Amino acid sequence: VVFQNPEDQLVTTVLEDDVAFGPENLGIERSRIGERIDDSLKSVGLVSFRQSDPTRMSGGQQQRAAIAGMLAM
C-alpha cells in the first residue's frame, strides 16, 4: 500500500535506509536487502538520490520513494 500523502510513509532521513526499512522488519537477509534497494530505486528512477533526505525531495520524488519502499518488500 502506498499512501496518498507519501511523506506519511517516509520514516528516515536517508532514502536508502527508508527503502530498507520494510525488508529489514520482514527479516530479509542484509545481502538481499541491498539487491532489493538497488532494483527498486532503479525501477523508480531514484538511484542518484540514494543518500538523499527523502523529506527534502519534491512531492513526485517522495511518491516514487514510497513506491520504491513497497517494491523492496
PDB file of N, CA and C in Angstrom:
ATOM      1  N   VAL A   1       0.848  -1.181   0.000  1.00  0.00           N
ATOM      2  CA  VAL A   1       0.000   0.000   0.000  1.00  0.00           C
ATOM      3  C   VAL A   1       0.889   1.238   0.000  1.00  0.00           C
ATOM      4  N   VAL A   2       0.575   2.158  -0.878  1.00  0.00           N
ATOM      5  CA  VAL A   2       1.252   3.453  -0.899  1.00  0.00           C
ATOM      6  C   VAL A   2       0.207   4.495  -0.536  1.00  0.00           C
ATOM      7  N   PHE A   3       0.469   5.259   0.513  1.00  0.00           N
ATOM      8  CA  PHE A   3      -0.486   6.257   0.991  1.00  0.00           C
ATOM      9  C   PHE A   3      -0.611   7.426   0.026  1.00  0.00           C
ATOM     10  N   GLN A   4      -1.737   8.132   0.119  1.00  0.00           N
ATOM     11  CA  GLN A   4      -1.956   9.301  -0.722  1.00  0.00           C
ATOM     12  C   GLN A   4      -0.906  10.371  -0.444  1.00  0.00           C
ATOM     13  N   ASN A   5      -0.545  10.544   0.818  1.00  0.00           N
ATOM     14  CA  ASN A   5       0.479  11.512   1.211  1.00  0.00           C
ATOM     15  C   ASN A   5       1.764  10.740   1.502  1.00  0.00           C
ATOM     16  N   PRO A   6       2.694  10.704   0.555  1.00  0.00           N
ATOM     17  CA  PRO A   6       3.888   9.876   0.729  1.00  0.00           C
ATOM     18  C   PRO A   6       4.737  10.271   1.931  1.00  0.00           C
ATOM     19  N   GLU A   7       4.690  11.543   2.337  1.00  0.00           N
ATOM     20  CA  GLU A   7       5.500  11.945   3.490  1.00  0.00           C
ATOM     21  C   GLU A   7       5.076  11.209   4.759  1.00  0.00           C
ATOM     22  N   ASP A   8       3.856  10.673   4.788  1.00  0.00           N
ATOM     23  CA  ASP A   8       3.398   9.875   5.928  1.00  0.00           C
ATOM     24  C   ASP A   8       4.069   8.511   5.965  1.00  0.00           C
ATOM     25  N   GLN A   9       4.691   8.126   4.871  1.00  0.00           N
ATOM     26  CA  GLN A   9       5.298   6.816   4.748  1.00  0.00           C
ATOM     27  C   GLN A   9       6.819   6.851   4.889  1.00  0.00           C
ATOM     28  N   LEU A  10       7.401   8.029   4.850  1.00  0.00           N
ATOM     29  CA  LEU A  10       8.855   8.164   4.918  1.00  0.00           C
ATOM     30  C   LEU A  10       9.277   8.211   6.376  1.00  0.00           C
ATOM     31  N   VAL A  11      10.166   7.293   6.774  1.00  0.00           N
ATOM     32  CA  VAL A  11      10.484   7.139   8.195  1.00  0.00           C
ATOM     33  C   VAL A  11      11.929   7.458   8.558  1.00  0.00           C
ATOM     34  N   THR A  12      12.791   7.709   7.573  1.00  0.00           N
ATOM     35  CA  THR A  12      14.192   8.012   7.876  1.00  0.00           C
ATOM     36  C   THR A  12      14.628   9.260   7.109  1.00  0.00           C
ATOM     37  N   THR A  13      15.845   9.688   7.362  1.00  0.00           N
ATOM     38  CA  THR A  13      16.371  10.871   6.675  1.00  0.00           C
ATOM     39  C   THR A  13      17.362  10.509   5.570  1.00  0.00           C
ATOM     40  N   VAL A  14      17.464   9.227   5.246  1.00  0.00           N
ATOM     41  CA  VAL A  14      18.302   8.766   4.132  1.00  0.00           C
ATOM     42  C   VAL A  14      17.458   7.792   3.306  1.00  0.00           C
ATOM     43  N   LEU A  15      17.313   8.072   2.027  1.00  0.00           N
ATOM     44  CA  LEU A  15      16.438   7.270   1.170  1.00  0.00           C
ATOM     45  C   LEU A  15      16.781   5.789   1.218  1.00  0.00           C
ATOM     46  N   GLU A  16      18.052   5.458   1.147  1.00  0.00           N
ATOM     47  CA  GLU A  16      18.473   4.055   1.178  1.00  0.00           C
ATOM     48  C   GLU A  16      17.953   3.361   2.436  1.00  0.00           C
ATOM     49  N   ASP A  17      18.054   4.019   3.579  1.00  0.00           N
ATOM     50  CA  ASP A  17      17.565   3.452   4.840  1.00  0.00           C
ATOM     51  C   ASP A  17      16.047   3.323   4.831  1.00  0.00           C
ATOM     52  N   ASP A  18      15.390   4.291   4.220  1.00  0.00           N
ATOM     53  CA  ASP A  18      13.936   4.259   4.152  1.00  0.00           C
ATOM     54  C   ASP A  18      13.455   3.067   3.325  1.00  0.00           C
ATOM     55  N   VAL A  19      14.101   2.837   2.195  1.00  0.00           N
ATOM     56  CA  VAL A  19      13.730   1.711   1.336  1.00  0.00           C
ATOM     57  C   VAL A  19      14.038   0.386   2.034  1.00  0.00           C
ATOM     58  N   ALA A  20      15.089   0.345   2.842  1.00  0.00           N
ATOM     59  CA  ALA A  20      15.475  -0.878   3.551  1.00  0.00           C
ATOM     60  C   ALA A  20      14.587  -1.177   4.753  1.00  0.00           C
ATOM     61  N   PHE A  21      13.858  -0.203   5.240  1.00  0.00           N
ATOM     62  CA  PHE A  21      13.086  -0.344   6.477  1.00  0.00           C
ATOM     63  C   PHE A  21      12.121  -1.535   6.439  1.00  0.00           C
ATOM     64  N   GLY A  22      11.331  -1.645   5.399  1.00  0.00           N
ATOM     65  CA  GLY A  22      10.358  -2.744   5.299  1.00  0.00           C
ATOM     66  C   GLY A  22      11.011  -4.111   5.240  1.00  0.00           C
ATOM     67  N   PRO A  23      11.947  -4.322   4.307  1.00  0.00           N
ATOM     68  CA  PRO A  23      12.597  -5.629   4.235  1.00  0.00           C
ATOM     69  C   PRO A  23      13.323  -6.018   5.529  1.00  0.00           C
ATOM     70  N   GLU A  24      13.935  -5.045   6.204  1.00  0.00           N
ATOM     71  CA  GLU A  24      14.604  -5.342   7.472  1.00  0.00           C
ATOM     72  C   GLU A  24      13.598  -5.854   8.493  1.00  0.00           C
ATOM     73  N   ASN A  25      12.430  -5.240   8.545  1.00  0.00           N
ATOM     74  CA  ASN A  25      11.405  -5.650   9.500  1.00  0.00           C
ATOM     75  C   ASN A  25      10.747  -6.971   9.131  1.00  0.00           C
ATOM     76  N   LEU A  26      10.897  -7.387   7.891  1.00  0.00           N
ATOM     77  CA  LEU A  26      10.407  -8.695   7.467  1.00  0.00           C
ATOM     78  C   LEU A  26      11.448  -9.788   7.706  1.00  0.00           C
ATOM     79  N   GLY A  27      12.647  -9.402   8.168  1.00  0.00           N
ATOM     80  CA  GLY A  27      13.696 -10.364   8.470  1.00  0.00           C
ATOM     81  C   GLY A  27      14.473 -10.846   7.254  1.00  0.00           C
ATOM     82  N   ILE A  28      14.444 -10.090   6.193  1.00  0.00           N
ATOM     83  CA  ILE A  28      15.177 -10.465   4.980  1.00  0.00           C
ATOM     84  C   ILE A  28      16.673 -10.232   5.206  1.00  0.00           C
ATOM     85  N   GLU A  29      17.499 -11.132   4.681  1.00  0.00           N
ATOM     86  CA  GLU A  29      18.951 -11.037   4.852  1.00  0.00           C
ATOM     87  C   GLU A  29      19.479  -9.726   4.282  1.00  0.00           C
ATOM     88  N   ARG A  30      20.470  -9.142   4.965  1.00  0.00           N
ATOM     89  CA  ARG A  30      21.023  -7.838   4.568  1.00  0.00           C
ATOM     90  C   ARG A  30      21.556  -7.857   3.132  1.00  0.00           C
ATOM     91  N   SER A  31      22.195  -8.939   2.727  1.00  0.00           N
ATOM     92  CA  SER A  31      22.727  -9.003   1.357  1.00  0.00           C
ATOM     93  C   SER A  31      21.599  -8.929   0.327  1.00  0.00           C
ATOM     94  N   ARG A  32      20.488  -9.533   0.618  1.00  0.00           N
ATOM     95  CA  ARG A  32      19.333  -9.487  -0.294  1.00  0.00           C
ATOM     96  C   ARG A  32      18.656  -8.125  -0.244  1.00  0.00           C
ATOM     97  N   ILE A  33      18.701  -7.481   0.916  1.00  0.00           N
ATOM     98  CA  ILE A  33      18.106  -6.148   1.031  1.00  0.00           C
ATOM     99  C   ILE A  33      18.836  -5.174   0.112  1.00  0.00           C
ATOM    100  N   GLY A  34      20.155  -5.257   0.077  1.00  0.00           N
ATOM    101  CA  GLY A  34      20.931  -4.384  -0.804  1.00  0.00           C
ATOM    102  C   GLY A  34      20.516  -4.528  -2.258  1.00  0.00           C
ATOM    103  N   GLU A  35      20.300  -5.761  -2.686  1.00  0.00           N
ATOM    104  CA  GLU A  35      19.847  -6.010  -4.056  1.00  0.00           C
ATOM    105  C   GLU A  35      18.461  -5.412  -4.281  1.00  0.00           C
ATOM    106  N   ARG A  36      17.599  -5.561  -3.301  1.00  0.00           N
ATOM    107  CA  ARG A  36      16.237  -5.034  -3.418  1.00  0.00           C
ATOM    108  C   ARG A  36      16.238  -3.506  -3.467  1.00  0.00           C
ATOM    109  N   ILE A  37      17.120  -2.894  -2.678  1.00  0.00           N
ATOM    110  CA  ILE A  37      17.238  -1.431  -2.714  1.00  0.00           C
ATOM    111  C   ILE A  37      17.657  -0.992  -4.112  1.00  0.00           C
ATOM    112  N   ASP A  38      18.701  -1.628  -4.635  1.00  0.00           N
ATOM    113  CA  ASP A  38      19.188  -1.290  -5.982  1.00  0.00           C
ATOM    114  C   ASP A  38      18.080  -1.417  -7.022  1.00  0.00           C
ATOM    115  N   ASP A  39      17.411  -2.553  -7.016  1.00  0.00           N
ATOM    116  CA  ASP A  39      16.373  -2.817  -8.019  1.00  0.00           C
ATOM    117  C   ASP A  39      15.207  -1.841  -7.906  1.00  0.00           C
ATOM    118  N   SER A  40      14.763  -1.578  -6.682  1.00  0.00           N
ATOM    119  CA  SER A  40      13.592  -0.708  -6.522  1.00  0.00           C
ATOM    120  C   SER A  40      13.923   0.747  -6.865  1.00  0.00           C
ATOM    121  N   LEU A  41      15.122   1.215  -6.494  1.00  0.00           N
ATOM    122  CA  LEU A  41      15.496   2.588  -6.844  1.00  0.00           C
ATOM    123  C   LEU A  41      15.669   2.749  -8.352  1.00  0.00           C
ATOM    124  N   LYS A  42      16.187   1.722  -9.010  1.00  0.00           N
ATOM    125  CA  LYS A  42      16.292   1.760 -10.475  1.00  0.00           C
ATOM    126  C   LYS A  42      14.898   1.818 -11.096  1.00  0.00           C
ATOM    127  N   SER A  43      13.980   1.046 -10.557  1.00  0.00           N
ATOM    128  CA  SER A  43      12.619   0.981 -11.106  1.00  0.00           C
ATOM    129  C   SER A  43      11.903   2.320 -11.073  1.00  0.00           C
ATOM    130  N   VAL A  44      12.200   3.126 -10.052  1.00  0.00           N
ATOM    131  CA  VAL A  44      11.501   4.414  -9.914  1.00  0.00           C
ATOM    132  C   VAL A  44      12.377   5.603 -10.310  1.00  0.00           C
ATOM    133  N   GLY A  45      13.589   5.335 -10.783  1.00  0.00           N
ATOM    134  CA  GLY A  45      14.462   6.401 -11.268  1.00  0.00           C
ATOM    135  C   GLY A  45      15.063   7.282 -10.189  1.00  0.00           C
ATOM    136  N   LEU A  46      15.339   6.697  -9.018  1.00  0.00           N
ATOM    137  CA  LEU A  46      15.903   7.491  -7.915  1.00  0.00           C
ATOM    138  C   LEU A  46      17.281   7.008  -7.466  1.00  0.00           C
ATOM    139  N   VAL A  47      18.000   6.309  -8.323  1.00  0.00           N
ATOM    140  CA  VAL A  47      19.320   5.792  -7.945  1.00  0.00           C
ATOM    141  C   VAL A  47      20.241   6.915  -7.481  1.00  0.00           C
ATOM    142  N   SER A  48      20.220   8.037  -8.155  1.00  0.00           N
ATOM    143  CA  SER A  48      21.120   9.143  -7.808  1.00  0.00           C
ATOM    144  C   SER A  48      20.728   9.833  -6.500  1.00  0.00           C
ATOM    145  N   PHE A  49      19.577   9.485  -5.942  1.00  0.00           N
ATOM    146  CA  PHE A  49      19.114  10.081  -4.684  1.00  0.00           C
ATOM    147  C   PHE A  49      19.307   9.140  -3.496  1.00  0.00           C
ATOM    148  N   ARG A  50      20.038   8.071  -3.691  1.00  0.00           N
ATOM    149  CA  ARG A  50      20.192   7.009  -2.688  1.00  0.00           C
ATOM    150  C   ARG A  50      20.567   7.542  -1.300  1.00  0.00           C
ATOM    151  N   GLN A  51      21.451   8.528  -1.229  1.00  0.00           N
ATOM    152  CA  GLN A  51      21.896   9.073   0.056  1.00  0.00           C
ATOM    153  C   GLN A  51      21.175  10.372   0.425  1.00  0.00           C
ATOM    154  N   SER A  52      20.136  10.710  -0.309  1.00  0.00           N
ATOM    155  CA  SER A  52      19.410  11.963  -0.072  1.00  0.00           C
ATOM    156  C   SER A  52      18.377  11.817   1.039  1.00  0.00           C
ATOM    157  N   ASP A  53      17.989  12.952   1.588  1.00  0.00           N
ATOM    158  CA  ASP A  53      16.935  13.015   2.600  1.00  0.00           C
ATOM    159  C   ASP A  53      15.592  13.039   1.876  1.00  0.00           C
ATOM    160  N   PRO A  54      14.783  11.992   2.010  1.00  0.00           N
ATOM    161  CA  PRO A  54      13.517  11.963   1.285  1.00  0.00           C
ATOM    162  C   PRO A  54      12.535  13.052   1.718  1.00  0.00           C
ATOM    163  N   THR A  55      12.700  13.582   2.915  1.00  0.00           N
ATOM    164  CA  THR A  55      11.794  14.644   3.365  1.00  0.00           C
ATOM    165  C   THR A  55      12.081  15.960   2.655  1.00  0.00           C
ATOM    166  N   ARG A  56      13.220  16.056   1.970  1.00  0.00           N
ATOM    167  CA  ARG A  56      13.585  17.268   1.231  1.00  0.00           C
ATOM    168  C   ARG A  56      13.365  17.115  -0.276  1.00  0.00           C
ATOM    169  N   MET A  57      12.812  15.996  -0.678  1.00  0.00           N
ATOM    170  CA  MET A  57      12.547  15.752  -2.096  1.00  0.00           C
ATOM    171  C   MET A  57      11.225  16.398  -2.494  1.00  0.00           C
ATOM    172  N   SER A  58      11.031  16.550  -3.802  1.00  0.00           N
ATOM    173  CA  SER A  58       9.754  17.069  -4.302  1.00  0.00           C
ATOM    174  C   SER A  58       8.649  16.051  -4.011  1.00  0.00           C
ATOM    175  N   GLY A  59       7.418  16.484  -4.145  1.00  0.00           N
ATOM    176  CA  GLY A  59       6.289  15.589  -3.902  1.00  0.00           C
ATOM    177  C   GLY A  59       6.303  14.369  -4.807  1.00  0.00           C
ATOM    178  N   GLY A  60       6.621  14.576  -6.080  1.00  0.00           N
ATOM    179  CA  GLY A  60       6.694  13.457  -7.017  1.00  0.00           C
ATOM    180  C   GLY A  60       7.807  12.486  -6.671  1.00  0.00           C
ATOM    181  N   GLN A  61       8.942  13.029  -6.247  1.00  0.00           N
ATOM    182  CA  GLN A  61      10.054  12.168  -5.836  1.00  0.00           C
ATOM    183  C   GLN A  61       9.688  11.403  -4.572  1.00  0.00           C
ATOM    184  N   GLN A  62       8.972  12.033  -3.659  1.00  0.00           N
ATOM    185  CA  GLN A  62       8.535  11.341  -2.447  1.00  0.00           C
ATOM    186  C   GLN A  62       7.578  10.203  -2.787  1.00  0.00           C
ATOM    187  N   GLN A  63       6.700  10.422  -3.743  1.00  0.00           N
ATOM    188  CA  GLN A  63       5.799   9.350  -4.176  1.00  0.00           C
ATOM    189  C   GLN A  63       6.601   8.181  -4.727  1.00  0.00           C
ATOM    190  N   ARG A  64       7.596   8.478  -5.538  1.00  0.00           N
ATOM    191  CA  ARG A  64       8.434   7.422  -6.104  1.00  0.00           C
ATOM    192  C   ARG A  64       9.252   6.734  -5.017  1.00  0.00           C
ATOM    193  N   ALA A  65       9.697   7.493  -4.008  1.00  0.00           N
ATOM    194  CA  ALA A  65      10.435   6.901  -2.887  1.00  0.00           C
ATOM    195  C   ALA A  65       9.542   5.928  -2.118  1.00  0.00           C
ATOM    196  N   ALA A  66       8.294   6.306  -1.897  1.00  0.00           N
ATOM    197  CA  ALA A  66       7.352   5.423  -1.202  1.00  0.00           C
ATOM    198  C   ALA A  66       7.098   4.158  -2.017  1.00  0.00           C
ATOM    199  N   ILE A  67       6.982   4.301  -3.322  1.00  0.00           N
ATOM    200  CA  ILE A  67       6.797   3.142  -4.194  1.00  0.00           C
ATOM    201  C   ILE A  67       8.024   2.237  -4.132  1.00  0.00           C
ATOM    202  N   ALA A  68       9.217   2.830  -4.118  1.00  0.00           N
ATOM    203  CA  ALA A  68      10.451   2.037  -4.015  1.00  0.00           C
ATOM    204  C   ALA A  68      10.455   1.222  -2.731  1.00  0.00           C
ATOM    205  N   GLY A  69      10.003   1.822  -1.642  1.00  0.00           N
ATOM    206  CA  GLY A  69       9.928   1.092  -0.379  1.00  0.00           C
ATOM    207  C   GLY A  69       9.010  -0.113  -0.460  1.00  0.00           C
ATOM    208  N   MET A  70       7.898   0.037  -1.143  1.00  0.00           N
ATOM    209  CA  MET A  70       6.962  -1.080  -1.313  1.00  0.00           C
ATOM    210  C   MET A  70       7.537  -2.143  -2.248  1.00  0.00           C
ATOM    211  N   LEU A  71       8.190  -1.715  -3.318  1.00  0.00           N
ATOM    212  CA  LEU A  71       8.793  -2.668  -4.253  1.00  0.00           C
ATOM    213  C   LEU A  71       9.887  -3.501  -3.583  1.00  0.00           C
ATOM    214  N   ALA A  72      10.602  -2.899  -2.651  1.00  0.00           N
ATOM    215  CA  ALA A  72      11.705  -3.599  -1.978  1.00  0.00           C
ATOM    216  C   ALA A  72      11.213  -4.738  -1.097  1.00  0.00           C
ATOM    217  N   MET A  73       9.975  -4.648  -0.676  1.00  0.00           N
ATOM    218  CA  MET A  73       9.441  -5.713   0.180  1.00  0.00           C
ATOM    219  C   MET A  73       9.033  -6.904  -0.663  1.00  0.00           C
TER     220      MET A  73
END
